[in-house]
PDB file of N, CA and C in Angstrom:
ATOM      1  N   PRO A   1     110.399 -96.750  16.643  1.00  0.00           N
ATOM      2  CA  PRO A   1     109.963 -95.442  17.118  1.00  0.00           C
ATOM      3  C   PRO A   1     109.718 -94.489  15.949  1.00  0.00           C
ATOM      4  N   ARG A   2     108.758 -93.594  16.169  1.00  0.00           N
ATOM      5  CA  ARG A   2     108.442 -92.582  15.157  1.00  0.00           C
ATOM      6  C   ARG A   2     109.522 -91.513  15.112  1.00  0.00           C
ATOM      7  N   PRO A   3     109.851 -91.017  13.910  1.00  0.00           N
ATOM      8  CA  PRO A   3     110.820 -89.923  13.839  1.00  0.00           C
ATOM      9  C   PRO A   3     110.224 -88.653  14.442  1.00  0.00           C
ATOM     10  N   ARG A   4     111.050 -87.913  15.136  1.00  0.00           N
ATOM     11  CA  ARG A   4     110.594 -86.665  15.756  1.00  0.00           C
ATOM     12  C   ARG A   4     110.501 -85.578  14.707  1.00  0.00           C
ATOM     13  N   PRO A   5     109.442 -84.782  14.737  1.00  0.00           N
ATOM     14  CA  PRO A   5     109.343 -83.687  13.775  1.00  0.00           C
ATOM     15  C   PRO A   5     110.404 -82.628  14.070  1.00  0.00           C
ATOM     16  N   SER A   6     110.853 -82.011  13.033  1.00  0.00           N
ATOM     17  CA  SER A   6     111.856 -80.953  13.179  1.00  0.00           C
ATOM     18  C   SER A   6     111.199 -79.706  13.749  1.00  0.00           C
ATOM     19  N   ALA A   7     111.924 -78.993  14.595  1.00  0.00           N
ATOM     20  CA  ALA A   7     111.416 -77.743  15.156  1.00  0.00           C
ATOM     21  C   ALA A   7     111.415 -76.638  14.110  1.00  0.00           C
ATOM     22  N   PHE A   8     112.286 -76.763  13.127  1.00  0.00           N
ATOM     23  CA  PHE A   8     112.358 -75.773  12.060  1.00  0.00           C
ATOM     24  C   PHE A   8     111.514 -76.247  10.890  1.00  0.00           C
ATOM     25  N   THR A   9     110.500 -75.472  10.524  1.00  0.00           N
ATOM     26  CA  THR A   9     109.599 -75.920   9.467  1.00  0.00           C
ATOM     27  C   THR A   9     109.710 -75.102   8.197  1.00  0.00           C
ATOM     28  N   GLY A  10     110.332 -73.926   8.253  1.00  0.00           N
ATOM     29  CA  GLY A  10     110.413 -73.067   7.069  1.00  0.00           C
ATOM     30  C   GLY A  10     111.781 -73.119   6.435  1.00  0.00           C
ATOM     31  N   ALA A  11     111.819 -72.862   5.149  1.00  0.00           N
ATOM     32  CA  ALA A  11     113.089 -72.784   4.450  1.00  0.00           C
ATOM     33  C   ALA A  11     113.634 -71.371   4.552  1.00  0.00           C
ATOM     34  N   MET A  12     114.931 -71.248   4.615  1.00  0.00           N
ATOM     35  CA  MET A  12     115.551 -69.931   4.678  1.00  0.00           C
ATOM     36  C   MET A  12     116.302 -69.711   3.376  1.00  0.00           C
ATOM     37  N   SER A  13     115.981 -68.641   2.700  1.00  0.00           N
ATOM     38  CA  SER A  13     116.676 -68.336   1.458  1.00  0.00           C
ATOM     39  C   SER A  13     117.969 -67.603   1.774  1.00  0.00           C
ATOM     40  N   ASN A  14     118.862 -67.557   0.798  1.00  0.00           N
ATOM     41  CA  ASN A  14     120.125 -66.838   0.981  1.00  0.00           C
ATOM     42  C   ASN A  14     119.887 -65.379   1.329  1.00  0.00           C
ATOM     43  N   SER A  15     118.807 -64.796   0.840  1.00  0.00           N
ATOM     44  CA  SER A  15     118.549 -63.387   1.066  1.00  0.00           C
ATOM     45  C   SER A  15     118.215 -63.075   2.512  1.00  0.00           C
ATOM     46  N   GLU A  16     117.869 -64.068   3.316  1.00  0.00           N
ATOM     47  CA  GLU A  16     117.539 -63.822   4.711  1.00  0.00           C
ATOM     48  C   GLU A  16     118.771 -63.876   5.613  1.00  0.00           C
ATOM     49  N   LEU A  17     119.891 -64.277   5.070  1.00  0.00           N
ATOM     50  CA  LEU A  17     121.105 -64.371   5.858  1.00  0.00           C
ATOM     51  C   LEU A  17     121.935 -63.104   5.670  1.00  0.00           C
ATOM     52  N   PRO A  18     122.324 -62.421   6.756  1.00  0.00           N
ATOM     53  CA  PRO A  18     123.009 -61.146   6.608  1.00  0.00           C
ATOM     54  C   PRO A  18     124.377 -61.242   5.953  1.00  0.00           C
ATOM     55  N   THR A  19     125.014 -62.393   5.936  1.00  0.00           N
ATOM     56  CA  THR A  19     126.346 -62.517   5.370  1.00  0.00           C
ATOM     57  C   THR A  19     126.334 -62.993   3.929  1.00  0.00           C
ATOM     58  N   GLN A  20     125.188 -63.222   3.353  1.00  0.00           N
ATOM     59  CA  GLN A  20     125.100 -63.755   2.008  1.00  0.00           C
ATOM     60  C   GLN A  20     124.797 -62.654   0.997  1.00  0.00           C
ATOM     61  N   ASP A  21     124.910 -63.021  -0.268  1.00  0.00           N
ATOM     62  CA  ASP A  21     124.568 -62.098  -1.337  1.00  0.00           C
ATOM     63  C   ASP A  21     123.053 -62.011  -1.485  1.00  0.00           C
ATOM     64  N   TRP A  22     122.594 -60.862  -1.913  1.00  0.00           N
ATOM     65  CA  TRP A  22     121.180 -60.595  -2.159  1.00  0.00           C
ATOM     66  C   TRP A  22     121.053 -60.117  -3.593  1.00  0.00           C
ATOM     67  N   THR A  23     119.830 -59.954  -4.046  1.00  0.00           N
ATOM     68  CA  THR A  23     119.614 -59.182  -5.264  1.00  0.00           C
ATOM     69  C   THR A  23     119.101 -57.820  -4.824  1.00  0.00           C
ATOM     70  N   LEU A  24     119.232 -56.849  -5.689  1.00  0.00           N
ATOM     71  CA  LEU A  24     118.759 -55.505  -5.366  1.00  0.00           C
ATOM     72  C   LEU A  24     117.248 -55.508  -5.146  1.00  0.00           C
ATOM     73  N   ALA A  25     116.545 -56.452  -5.752  1.00  0.00           N
ATOM     74  CA  ALA A  25     115.096 -56.551  -5.565  1.00  0.00           C
ATOM     75  C   ALA A  25     114.737 -56.982  -4.144  1.00  0.00           C
ATOM     76  N   ASP A  26     115.628 -57.737  -3.476  1.00  0.00           N
ATOM     77  CA  ASP A  26     115.357 -58.258  -2.132  1.00  0.00           C
ATOM     78  C   ASP A  26     115.929 -57.399  -1.011  1.00  0.00           C
ATOM     79  N   LEU A  27     116.798 -56.463  -1.338  1.00  0.00           N
ATOM     80  CA  LEU A  27     117.464 -55.659  -0.322  1.00  0.00           C
ATOM     81  C   LEU A  27     116.448 -54.780   0.403  1.00  0.00           C
ATOM     82  N   PRO A  28     116.444 -54.778   1.734  1.00  0.00           N
ATOM     83  CA  PRO A  28     115.484 -53.941   2.468  1.00  0.00           C
ATOM     84  C   PRO A  28     115.748 -52.451   2.266  1.00  0.00           C
ATOM     85  N   ILE A  29     114.712 -51.668   2.409  1.00  0.00           N
ATOM     86  CA  ILE A  29     114.831 -50.214   2.310  1.00  0.00           C
ATOM     87  C   ILE A  29     115.755 -49.715   3.412  1.00  0.00           C
ATOM     88  N   GLY A  30     116.650 -48.796   3.046  1.00  0.00           N
ATOM     89  CA  GLY A  30     117.550 -48.182   4.009  1.00  0.00           C
ATOM     90  C   GLY A  30     118.843 -48.934   4.256  1.00  0.00           C
ATOM     91  N   VAL A  31     119.077 -50.030   3.542  1.00  0.00           N
ATOM     92  CA  VAL A  31     120.280 -50.837   3.740  1.00  0.00           C
ATOM     93  C   VAL A  31     121.242 -50.587   2.576  1.00  0.00           C
ATOM     94  N   SER A  32     122.514 -50.329   2.897  1.00  0.00           N
ATOM     95  CA  SER A  32     123.548 -50.146   1.881  1.00  0.00           C
ATOM     96  C   SER A  32     124.123 -51.494   1.487  1.00  0.00           C
ATOM     97  N   ALA A  33     124.524 -51.606   0.226  1.00  0.00           N
ATOM     98  CA  ALA A  33     125.128 -52.838  -0.257  1.00  0.00           C
ATOM     99  C   ALA A  33     126.071 -52.516  -1.402  1.00  0.00           C
ATOM    100  N   CYS A  34     127.009 -53.416  -1.617  1.00  0.00           N
ATOM    101  CA  CYS A  34     127.982 -53.285  -2.697  1.00  0.00           C
ATOM    102  C   CYS A  34     127.561 -54.201  -3.846  1.00  0.00           C
ATOM    103  N   VAL A  35     127.548 -53.669  -5.052  1.00  0.00           N
ATOM    104  CA  VAL A  35     127.219 -54.486  -6.224  1.00  0.00           C
ATOM    105  C   VAL A  35     128.360 -55.463  -6.454  1.00  0.00           C
ATOM    106  N   VAL A  36     128.023 -56.756  -6.570  1.00  0.00           N
ATOM    107  CA  VAL A  36     129.048 -57.779  -6.791  1.00  0.00           C
ATOM    108  C   VAL A  36     128.965 -58.403  -8.177  1.00  0.00           C
ATOM    109  N   ALA A  37     127.790 -58.399  -8.799  1.00  0.00           N
ATOM    110  CA  ALA A  37     127.650 -59.001 -10.127  1.00  0.00           C
ATOM    111  C   ALA A  37     126.370 -58.509 -10.788  1.00  0.00           C
ATOM    112  N   LEU A  38     126.385 -58.531 -12.115  1.00  0.00           N
ATOM    113  CA  LEU A  38     125.207 -58.167 -12.910  1.00  0.00           C
ATOM    114  C   LEU A  38     124.904 -59.323 -13.862  1.00  0.00           C
ATOM    115  N   ASP A  39     123.626 -59.679 -13.957  1.00  0.00           N
ATOM    116  CA  ASP A  39     123.210 -60.710 -14.915  1.00  0.00           C
ATOM    117  C   ASP A  39     122.785 -60.090 -16.238  1.00  0.00           C
ATOM    118  N   THR A  40     123.131 -58.851 -16.464  1.00  0.00           N
ATOM    119  CA  THR A  40     122.712 -58.125 -17.662  1.00  0.00           C
ATOM    120  C   THR A  40     123.934 -57.852 -18.531  1.00  0.00           C
ATOM    121  N   HIS A  41     124.521 -58.904 -19.077  1.00  0.00           N
ATOM    122  CA  HIS A  41     125.783 -58.796 -19.811  1.00  0.00           C
ATOM    123  C   HIS A  41     125.697 -57.884 -21.025  1.00  0.00           C
ATOM    124  N   ARG A  42     124.586 -57.893 -21.721  1.00  0.00           N
ATOM    125  CA  ARG A  42     124.479 -57.120 -22.951  1.00  0.00           C
ATOM    126  C   ARG A  42     123.737 -55.800 -22.766  1.00  0.00           C
ATOM    127  N   ASP A  43     123.533 -55.383 -21.527  1.00  0.00           N
ATOM    128  CA  ASP A  43     122.797 -54.142 -21.258  1.00  0.00           C
ATOM    129  C   ASP A  43     123.755 -53.108 -20.675  1.00  0.00           C
ATOM    130  N   PRO A  44     124.314 -52.236 -21.519  1.00  0.00           N
ATOM    131  CA  PRO A  44     125.278 -51.251 -21.021  1.00  0.00           C
ATOM    132  C   PRO A  44     124.632 -50.083 -20.266  1.00  0.00           C
ATOM    133  N   SER A  45     123.315 -50.012 -20.255  1.00  0.00           N
ATOM    134  CA  SER A  45     122.666 -48.854 -19.630  1.00  0.00           C
ATOM    135  C   SER A  45     122.910 -48.804 -18.122  1.00  0.00           C
ATOM    136  N   LEU A  46     123.000 -49.947 -17.447  1.00  0.00           N
ATOM    137  CA  LEU A  46     123.266 -49.930 -16.012  1.00  0.00           C
ATOM    138  C   LEU A  46     124.655 -49.366 -15.720  1.00  0.00           C
ATOM    139  N   ALA A  47     125.648 -49.809 -16.467  1.00  0.00           N
ATOM    140  CA  ALA A  47     127.008 -49.299 -16.274  1.00  0.00           C
ATOM    141  C   ALA A  47     127.056 -47.806 -16.579  1.00  0.00           C
ATOM    142  N   GLY A  48     126.273 -47.374 -17.538  1.00  0.00           N
ATOM    143  CA  GLY A  48     126.218 -45.951 -17.880  1.00  0.00           C
ATOM    144  C   GLY A  48     125.686 -45.106 -16.741  1.00  0.00           C
ATOM    145  N   HIS A  49     124.878 -45.701 -15.871  1.00  0.00           N
ATOM    146  CA  HIS A  49     124.346 -45.002 -14.702  1.00  0.00           C
ATOM    147  C   HIS A  49     125.200 -45.236 -13.461  1.00  0.00           C
ATOM    148  N   GLY A  50     126.288 -45.999 -13.596  1.00  0.00           N
ATOM    149  CA  GLY A  50     127.178 -46.245 -12.472  1.00  0.00           C
ATOM    150  C   GLY A  50     126.920 -47.528 -11.720  1.00  0.00           C
ATOM    151  N   ILE A  51     125.932 -48.317 -12.164  1.00  0.00           N
ATOM    152  CA  ILE A  51     125.662 -49.612 -11.528  1.00  0.00           C
ATOM    153  C   ILE A  51     126.637 -50.618 -12.129  1.00  0.00           C
ATOM    154  N   ARG A  52     127.694 -50.902 -11.384  1.00  0.00           N
ATOM    155  CA  ARG A  52     128.716 -51.852 -11.824  1.00  0.00           C
ATOM    156  C   ARG A  52     129.328 -52.487 -10.590  1.00  0.00           C
ATOM    157  N   PRO A  53     129.993 -53.625 -10.727  1.00  0.00           N
ATOM    158  CA  PRO A  53     130.620 -54.249  -9.556  1.00  0.00           C
ATOM    159  C   PRO A  53     131.523 -53.267  -8.817  1.00  0.00           C
ATOM    160  N   GLY A  54     131.362 -53.238  -7.494  1.00  0.00           N
ATOM    161  CA  GLY A  54     132.123 -52.331  -6.652  1.00  0.00           C
ATOM    162  C   GLY A  54     131.364 -51.089  -6.236  1.00  0.00           C
ATOM    163  N   ALA A  55     130.285 -50.762  -6.935  1.00  0.00           N
ATOM    164  CA  ALA A  55     129.485 -49.577  -6.602  1.00  0.00           C
ATOM    165  C   ALA A  55     128.662 -49.845  -5.344  1.00  0.00           C
ATOM    166  N   THR A  56     128.514 -48.818  -4.510  1.00  0.00           N
ATOM    167  CA  THR A  56     127.681 -48.930  -3.310  1.00  0.00           C
ATOM    168  C   THR A  56     126.327 -48.307  -3.596  1.00  0.00           C
ATOM    169  N   VAL A  57     125.273 -49.057  -3.321  1.00  0.00           N
ATOM    170  CA  VAL A  57     123.905 -48.598  -3.554  1.00  0.00           C
ATOM    171  C   VAL A  57     123.101 -48.715  -2.266  1.00  0.00           C
ATOM    172  N   GLU A  58     122.011 -47.964  -2.201  1.00  0.00           N
ATOM    173  CA  GLU A  58     121.090 -48.059  -1.071  1.00  0.00           C
ATOM    174  C   GLU A  58     119.671 -47.903  -1.606  1.00  0.00           C
ATOM    175  N   VAL A  59     118.785 -48.807  -1.214  1.00  0.00           N
ATOM    176  CA  VAL A  59     117.382 -48.696  -1.607  1.00  0.00           C
ATOM    177  C   VAL A  59     116.736 -47.643  -0.712  1.00  0.00           C
ATOM    178  N   GLU A  60     116.217 -46.585  -1.317  1.00  0.00           N
ATOM    179  CA  GLU A  60     115.572 -45.511  -0.565  1.00  0.00           C
ATOM    180  C   GLU A  60     114.082 -45.740  -0.395  1.00  0.00           C
ATOM    181  N   ASP A  61     113.453 -46.311  -1.424  1.00  0.00           N
ATOM    182  CA  ASP A  61     111.998 -46.454  -1.386  1.00  0.00           C
ATOM    183  C   ASP A  61     111.556 -47.405  -2.491  1.00  0.00           C
ATOM    184  N   ASP A  62     110.303 -47.800  -2.441  1.00  0.00           N
ATOM    185  CA  ASP A  62     109.675 -48.601  -3.488  1.00  0.00           C
ATOM    186  C   ASP A  62     108.493 -47.823  -4.033  1.00  0.00           C
ATOM    187  N   ALA A  63     108.365 -47.794  -5.335  1.00  0.00           N
ATOM    188  CA  ALA A  63     107.183 -47.179  -5.935  1.00  0.00           C
ATOM    189  C   ALA A  63     105.979 -48.075  -5.651  1.00  0.00           C
ATOM    190  N   PRO A  64     104.805 -47.495  -5.520  1.00  0.00           N
ATOM    191  CA  PRO A  64     103.627 -48.313  -5.205  1.00  0.00           C
ATOM    192  C   PRO A  64     103.244 -49.278  -6.329  1.00  0.00           C
ATOM    193  N   PHE A  65     102.459 -50.265  -5.959  1.00  0.00           N
ATOM    194  CA  PHE A  65     101.878 -51.238  -6.884  1.00  0.00           C
ATOM    195  C   PHE A  65     102.931 -52.030  -7.656  1.00  0.00           C
ATOM    196  N   GLY A  66     104.032 -52.390  -6.968  1.00  0.00           N
ATOM    197  CA  GLY A  66     105.061 -53.199  -7.613  1.00  0.00           C
ATOM    198  C   GLY A  66     105.914 -52.440  -8.606  1.00  0.00           C
ATOM    199  N   GLY A  67     105.918 -51.129  -8.500  1.00  0.00           N
ATOM    200  CA  GLY A  67     106.717 -50.301  -9.397  1.00  0.00           C
ATOM    201  C   GLY A  67     108.199 -50.415  -9.100  1.00  0.00           C
ATOM    202  N   PRO A  68     108.997 -49.546  -9.689  1.00  0.00           N
ATOM    203  CA  PRO A  68     110.446 -49.659  -9.536  1.00  0.00           C
ATOM    204  C   PRO A  68     110.931 -49.361  -8.124  1.00  0.00           C
ATOM    205  N   ARG A  69     112.150 -49.786  -7.853  1.00  0.00           N
ATOM    206  CA  ARG A  69     112.825 -49.466  -6.594  1.00  0.00           C
ATOM    207  C   ARG A  69     113.564 -48.160  -6.801  1.00  0.00           C
ATOM    208  N   ILE A  70     113.515 -47.286  -5.818  1.00  0.00           N
ATOM    209  CA  ILE A  70     114.237 -46.023  -5.864  1.00  0.00           C
ATOM    210  C   ILE A  70     115.556 -46.251  -5.136  1.00  0.00           C
ATOM    211  N   VAL A  71     116.657 -46.105  -5.864  1.00  0.00           N
ATOM    212  CA  VAL A  71     117.978 -46.468  -5.365  1.00  0.00           C
ATOM    213  C   VAL A  71     118.888 -45.249  -5.409  1.00  0.00           C
ATOM    214  N   SER A  72     119.664 -45.049  -4.334  1.00  0.00           N
ATOM    215  CA  SER A  72     120.668 -43.984  -4.360  1.00  0.00           C
ATOM    216  C   SER A  72     122.016 -44.595  -4.693  1.00  0.00           C
ATOM    217  N   LEU A  73     122.758 -43.856  -5.493  1.00  0.00           N
ATOM    218  CA  LEU A  73     124.101 -44.244  -5.916  1.00  0.00           C
ATOM    219  C   LEU A  73     124.925 -42.968  -5.884  1.00  0.00           C
ATOM    220  N   GLY A  74     125.661 -42.771  -4.799  1.00  0.00           N
ATOM    221  CA  GLY A  74     126.338 -41.491  -4.606  1.00  0.00           C
ATOM    222  C   GLY A  74     125.292 -40.403  -4.418  1.00  0.00           C
ATOM    223  N   SER A  75     125.387 -39.343  -5.198  1.00  0.00           N
ATOM    224  CA  SER A  75     124.396 -38.263  -5.098  1.00  0.00           C
ATOM    225  C   SER A  75     123.227 -38.460  -6.059  1.00  0.00           C
ATOM    226  N   ALA A  76     123.268 -39.513  -6.874  1.00  0.00           N
ATOM    227  CA  ALA A  76     122.207 -39.774  -7.852  1.00  0.00           C
ATOM    228  C   ALA A  76     121.122 -40.660  -7.249  1.00  0.00           C
ATOM    229  N   ARG A  77     119.903 -40.456  -7.744  1.00  0.00           N
ATOM    230  CA  ARG A  77     118.775 -41.338  -7.411  1.00  0.00           C
ATOM    231  C   ARG A  77     118.280 -41.953  -8.701  1.00  0.00           C
ATOM    232  N   LEU A  78     118.107 -43.278  -8.687  1.00  0.00           N
ATOM    233  CA  LEU A  78     117.672 -44.000  -9.875  1.00  0.00           C
ATOM    234  C   LEU A  78     116.417 -44.799  -9.573  1.00  0.00           C
ATOM    235  N   ALA A  79     115.538 -44.913 -10.550  1.00  0.00           N
ATOM    236  CA  ALA A  79     114.379 -45.803 -10.463  1.00  0.00           C
ATOM    237  C   ALA A  79     114.729 -47.037 -11.292  1.00  0.00           C
ATOM    238  N   ILE A  80     114.792 -48.189 -10.626  1.00  0.00           N
ATOM    239  CA  ILE A  80     115.188 -49.429 -11.299  1.00  0.00           C
ATOM    240  C   ILE A  80     114.034 -50.418 -11.241  1.00  0.00           C
ATOM    241  N   ALA A  81     113.592 -50.851 -12.422  1.00  0.00           N
ATOM    242  CA  ALA A  81     112.496 -51.818 -12.503  1.00  0.00           C
ATOM    243  C   ALA A  81     112.849 -53.069 -11.712  1.00  0.00           C
ATOM    244  N   ARG A  82     111.847 -53.664 -11.071  1.00  0.00           N
ATOM    245  CA  ARG A  82     112.102 -54.845 -10.248  1.00  0.00           C
ATOM    246  C   ARG A  82     112.668 -56.013 -11.048  1.00  0.00           C
ATOM    247  N   VAL A  83     112.253 -56.167 -12.286  1.00  0.00           N
ATOM    248  CA  VAL A  83     112.780 -57.262 -13.102  1.00  0.00           C
ATOM    249  C   VAL A  83     114.276 -57.054 -13.345  1.00  0.00           C
ATOM    250  N   VAL A  84     114.711 -55.819 -13.479  1.00  0.00           N
ATOM    251  CA  VAL A  84     116.132 -55.513 -13.632  1.00  0.00           C
ATOM    252  C   VAL A  84     116.837 -55.658 -12.283  1.00  0.00           C
ATOM    253  N   ALA A  85     116.205 -55.202 -11.199  1.00  0.00           N
ATOM    254  CA  ALA A  85     116.795 -55.285  -9.857  1.00  0.00           C
ATOM    255  C   ALA A  85     117.070 -56.736  -9.460  1.00  0.00           C
ATOM    256  N   ARG A  86     116.287 -57.680  -9.970  1.00  0.00           N
ATOM    257  CA  ARG A  86     116.516 -59.101  -9.662  1.00  0.00           C
ATOM    258  C   ARG A  86     117.800 -59.620 -10.297  1.00  0.00           C
ATOM    259  N   ARG A  87     118.317 -58.904 -11.289  1.00  0.00           N
ATOM    260  CA  ARG A  87     119.540 -59.334 -11.976  1.00  0.00           C
ATOM    261  C   ARG A  87     120.785 -58.621 -11.469  1.00  0.00           C
ATOM    262  N   ILE A  88     120.616 -57.785 -10.431  1.00  0.00           N
ATOM    263  CA  ILE A  88     121.751 -57.076  -9.833  1.00  0.00           C
ATOM    264  C   ILE A  88     122.035 -57.718  -8.486  1.00  0.00           C
ATOM    265  N   HIS A  89     123.183 -58.362  -8.369  1.00  0.00           N
ATOM    266  CA  HIS A  89     123.548 -59.069  -7.142  1.00  0.00           C
ATOM    267  C   HIS A  89     124.397 -58.149  -6.271  1.00  0.00           C
ATOM    268  N   VAL A  90     124.029 -58.076  -4.998  1.00  0.00           N
ATOM    269  CA  VAL A  90     124.705 -57.186  -4.061  1.00  0.00           C
ATOM    270  C   VAL A  90     125.106 -57.942  -2.805  1.00  0.00           C
ATOM    271  N   ARG A  91     126.080 -57.396  -2.106  1.00  0.00           N
ATOM    272  CA  ARG A  91     126.485 -57.918  -0.800  1.00  0.00           C
ATOM    273  C   ARG A  91     126.332 -56.777   0.186  1.00  0.00           C
ATOM    274  N   ARG A  92     125.653 -57.062   1.280  1.00  0.00           N
ATOM    275  CA  ARG A  92     125.386 -56.025   2.271  1.00  0.00           C
ATOM    276  C   ARG A  92     126.661 -55.494   2.876  1.00  0.00           C
ATOM    277  N   GLU A  93     126.655 -54.203   3.160  1.00  0.00           N
ATOM    278  CA  GLU A  93     127.791 -53.560   3.818  1.00  0.00           C
ATOM    279  C   GLU A  93     127.901 -54.119   5.232  1.00  0.00           C
ATOM    280  N   PRO A  94     129.098 -54.404   5.727  1.00  0.00           N
ATOM    281  CA  PRO A  94     129.267 -55.025   7.044  1.00  0.00           C
ATOM    282  C   PRO A  94     128.615 -54.251   8.183  1.00  0.00           C
ATOM    283  N   ALA A  95     128.669 -52.933   8.182  1.00  0.00           N
ATOM    284  CA  ALA A  95     128.077 -52.160   9.284  1.00  0.00           C
ATOM    285  C   ALA A  95     126.566 -52.379   9.343  1.00  0.00           C
ATOM    286  N   ASP A  96     125.892 -52.422   8.185  1.00  0.00           N
ATOM    287  CA  ASP A  96     124.445 -52.650   8.166  1.00  0.00           C
ATOM    288  C   ASP A  96     124.092 -54.039   8.643  1.00  0.00           C
ATOM    289  N   ALA A  97     124.863 -55.037   8.250  1.00  0.00           N
ATOM    290  CA  ALA A  97     124.589 -56.414   8.665  1.00  0.00           C
ATOM    291  C   ALA A  97     124.764 -56.550  10.166  1.00  0.00           C
ATOM    292  N   ALA A  98     125.786 -55.907  10.728  1.00  0.00           N
ATOM    293  CA  ALA A  98     126.023 -55.985  12.172  1.00  0.00           C
ATOM    294  C   ALA A  98     124.923 -55.266  12.944  1.00  0.00           C
ATOM    295  N   ASP A  99     124.461 -54.106  12.436  1.00  0.00           N
ATOM    296  CA  ASP A  99     123.393 -53.360  13.101  1.00  0.00           C
ATOM    297  C   ASP A  99     122.111 -54.170  13.193  1.00  0.00           C
ATOM    298  N   GLU A 100     121.791 -54.919  12.127  1.00  0.00           N
ATOM    299  CA  GLU A 100     120.537 -55.664  12.106  1.00  0.00           C
ATOM    300  C   GLU A 100     120.571 -56.835  13.086  1.00  0.00           C
ATOM    301  N   LEU A 101     121.759 -57.362  13.382  1.00  0.00           N
ATOM    302  CA  LEU A 101     121.863 -58.501  14.283  1.00  0.00           C
ATOM    303  C   LEU A 101     121.685 -58.089  15.743  1.00  0.00           C
ATOM    304  N   ARG A 102     121.792 -56.800  16.043  1.00  0.00           N
ATOM    305  CA  ARG A 102     121.651 -56.337  17.427  1.00  0.00           C
ATOM    306  C   ARG A 102     120.224 -56.280  17.856  1.00  0.00           C
TER     307      ARG A 102
END
């Protein structure tokens, strides 16, 4: 007999799962997340702006044409280049993950 084709044809990345870690580049606009890790070991500028493990961030907007992400961190707003945002690993806040599942 022929093998039956799978009903699921697409791959799901970790970023599509609400309980998994994301990068700041993949986080949807309006979603809060906690910074869990940085891949920028020798770049102290992020820590100088408060981007460090344990910090809560929220993507407010994206600049047009692939420009930086506009991120809120407390009362501050930061523009973070997408190449840098890909190196900032975040975990979604539980309330936001639960809201999206409804």
